[in-house]
Protein backbone atom coordinates (compact mmCIF):
# COMPACT_ATOMS: atom_id res chain seq x y z
CA UNK A 1 -17.08 -11.59 9.05
CA UNK A 2 -19.74 -9.78 7.03
CA UNK A 3 -19.97 -6.30 5.57
CA UNK A 4 -23.22 -4.60 6.54
CA UNK A 5 -24.80 -2.45 3.84
CA UNK A 6 -24.27 1.26 4.58
CA UNK A 7 -27.23 3.65 4.96
CA UNK A 8 -29.71 0.80 5.45
CA UNK A 9 -32.46 1.09 8.09
CA UNK A 10 -33.08 -2.68 8.02
CA UNK A 11 -30.70 -5.63 8.13
CA UNK A 12 -28.86 -5.88 4.81
CA UNK A 13 -25.53 -7.21 3.61
CA UNK A 14 -23.25 -5.40 1.20
CA UNK A 15 -21.70 -7.19 -1.78
CA UNK A 16 -18.41 -5.39 -1.06
CA UNK A 17 -15.79 -7.62 0.54
CA UNK A 18 -15.60 -7.31 4.35
CA UNK A 19 -13.07 -4.73 5.50
CA UNK A 20 -11.47 -3.11 8.51
CA UNK A 21 -9.93 0.27 9.28
CA UNK A 22 -6.43 0.60 10.71
CA UNK A 23 -5.39 3.70 12.66
CA UNK A 24 -1.81 4.72 13.32
CA UNK A 25 -1.30 7.29 16.07
CA UNK A 26 1.87 9.37 15.73
CA UNK A 27 3.82 11.01 18.57
CA UNK A 28 3.21 14.47 17.03
CA UNK A 29 -0.58 13.97 17.30
CA UNK A 30 -1.18 13.07 13.65
CA UNK A 31 -3.40 10.12 12.77
CA UNK A 32 -2.92 8.00 9.66
CA UNK A 33 -5.78 5.74 8.60
CA UNK A 34 -6.59 3.34 5.79
CA UNK A 35 -9.11 0.61 4.99
CA UNK A 36 -8.12 -2.94 4.01
CA UNK A 37 -10.50 -5.53 2.57
CA UNK A 38 -10.48 -9.27 2.07
CA UNK A 39 -9.63 -10.26 -1.50
CA UNK A 40 -12.73 -10.27 -3.73
CA UNK A 41 -14.56 -13.61 -3.62
CA UNK A 42 -12.67 -14.97 -0.60
CA UNK A 43 -15.81 -14.86 1.55
CA UNK A 44 -19.44 -15.06 0.42
CA UNK A 45 -22.09 -14.47 3.10
CA UNK A 46 -25.52 -16.09 2.96
CA UNK A 47 -27.53 -13.26 1.38
CA UNK A 48 -30.81 -15.06 2.16
CA UNK A 49 -30.13 -14.85 5.93
CA UNK A 50 -32.41 -12.73 8.13
CA UNK A 51 -29.54 -11.83 10.47
CA UNK A 52 -26.02 -12.55 11.60
């Protein structure tokens, strides 16, 4: 899993740990959301790669 650099027109990796968003849908129509990330340093992508 890699974290792609935001607002980049070309392929780029972000140094921020990879993350994911969780959504919780409630019966009253509300949505709760939060972002979780891997612990810092748990995964290091190959920053010299031209693509994933």
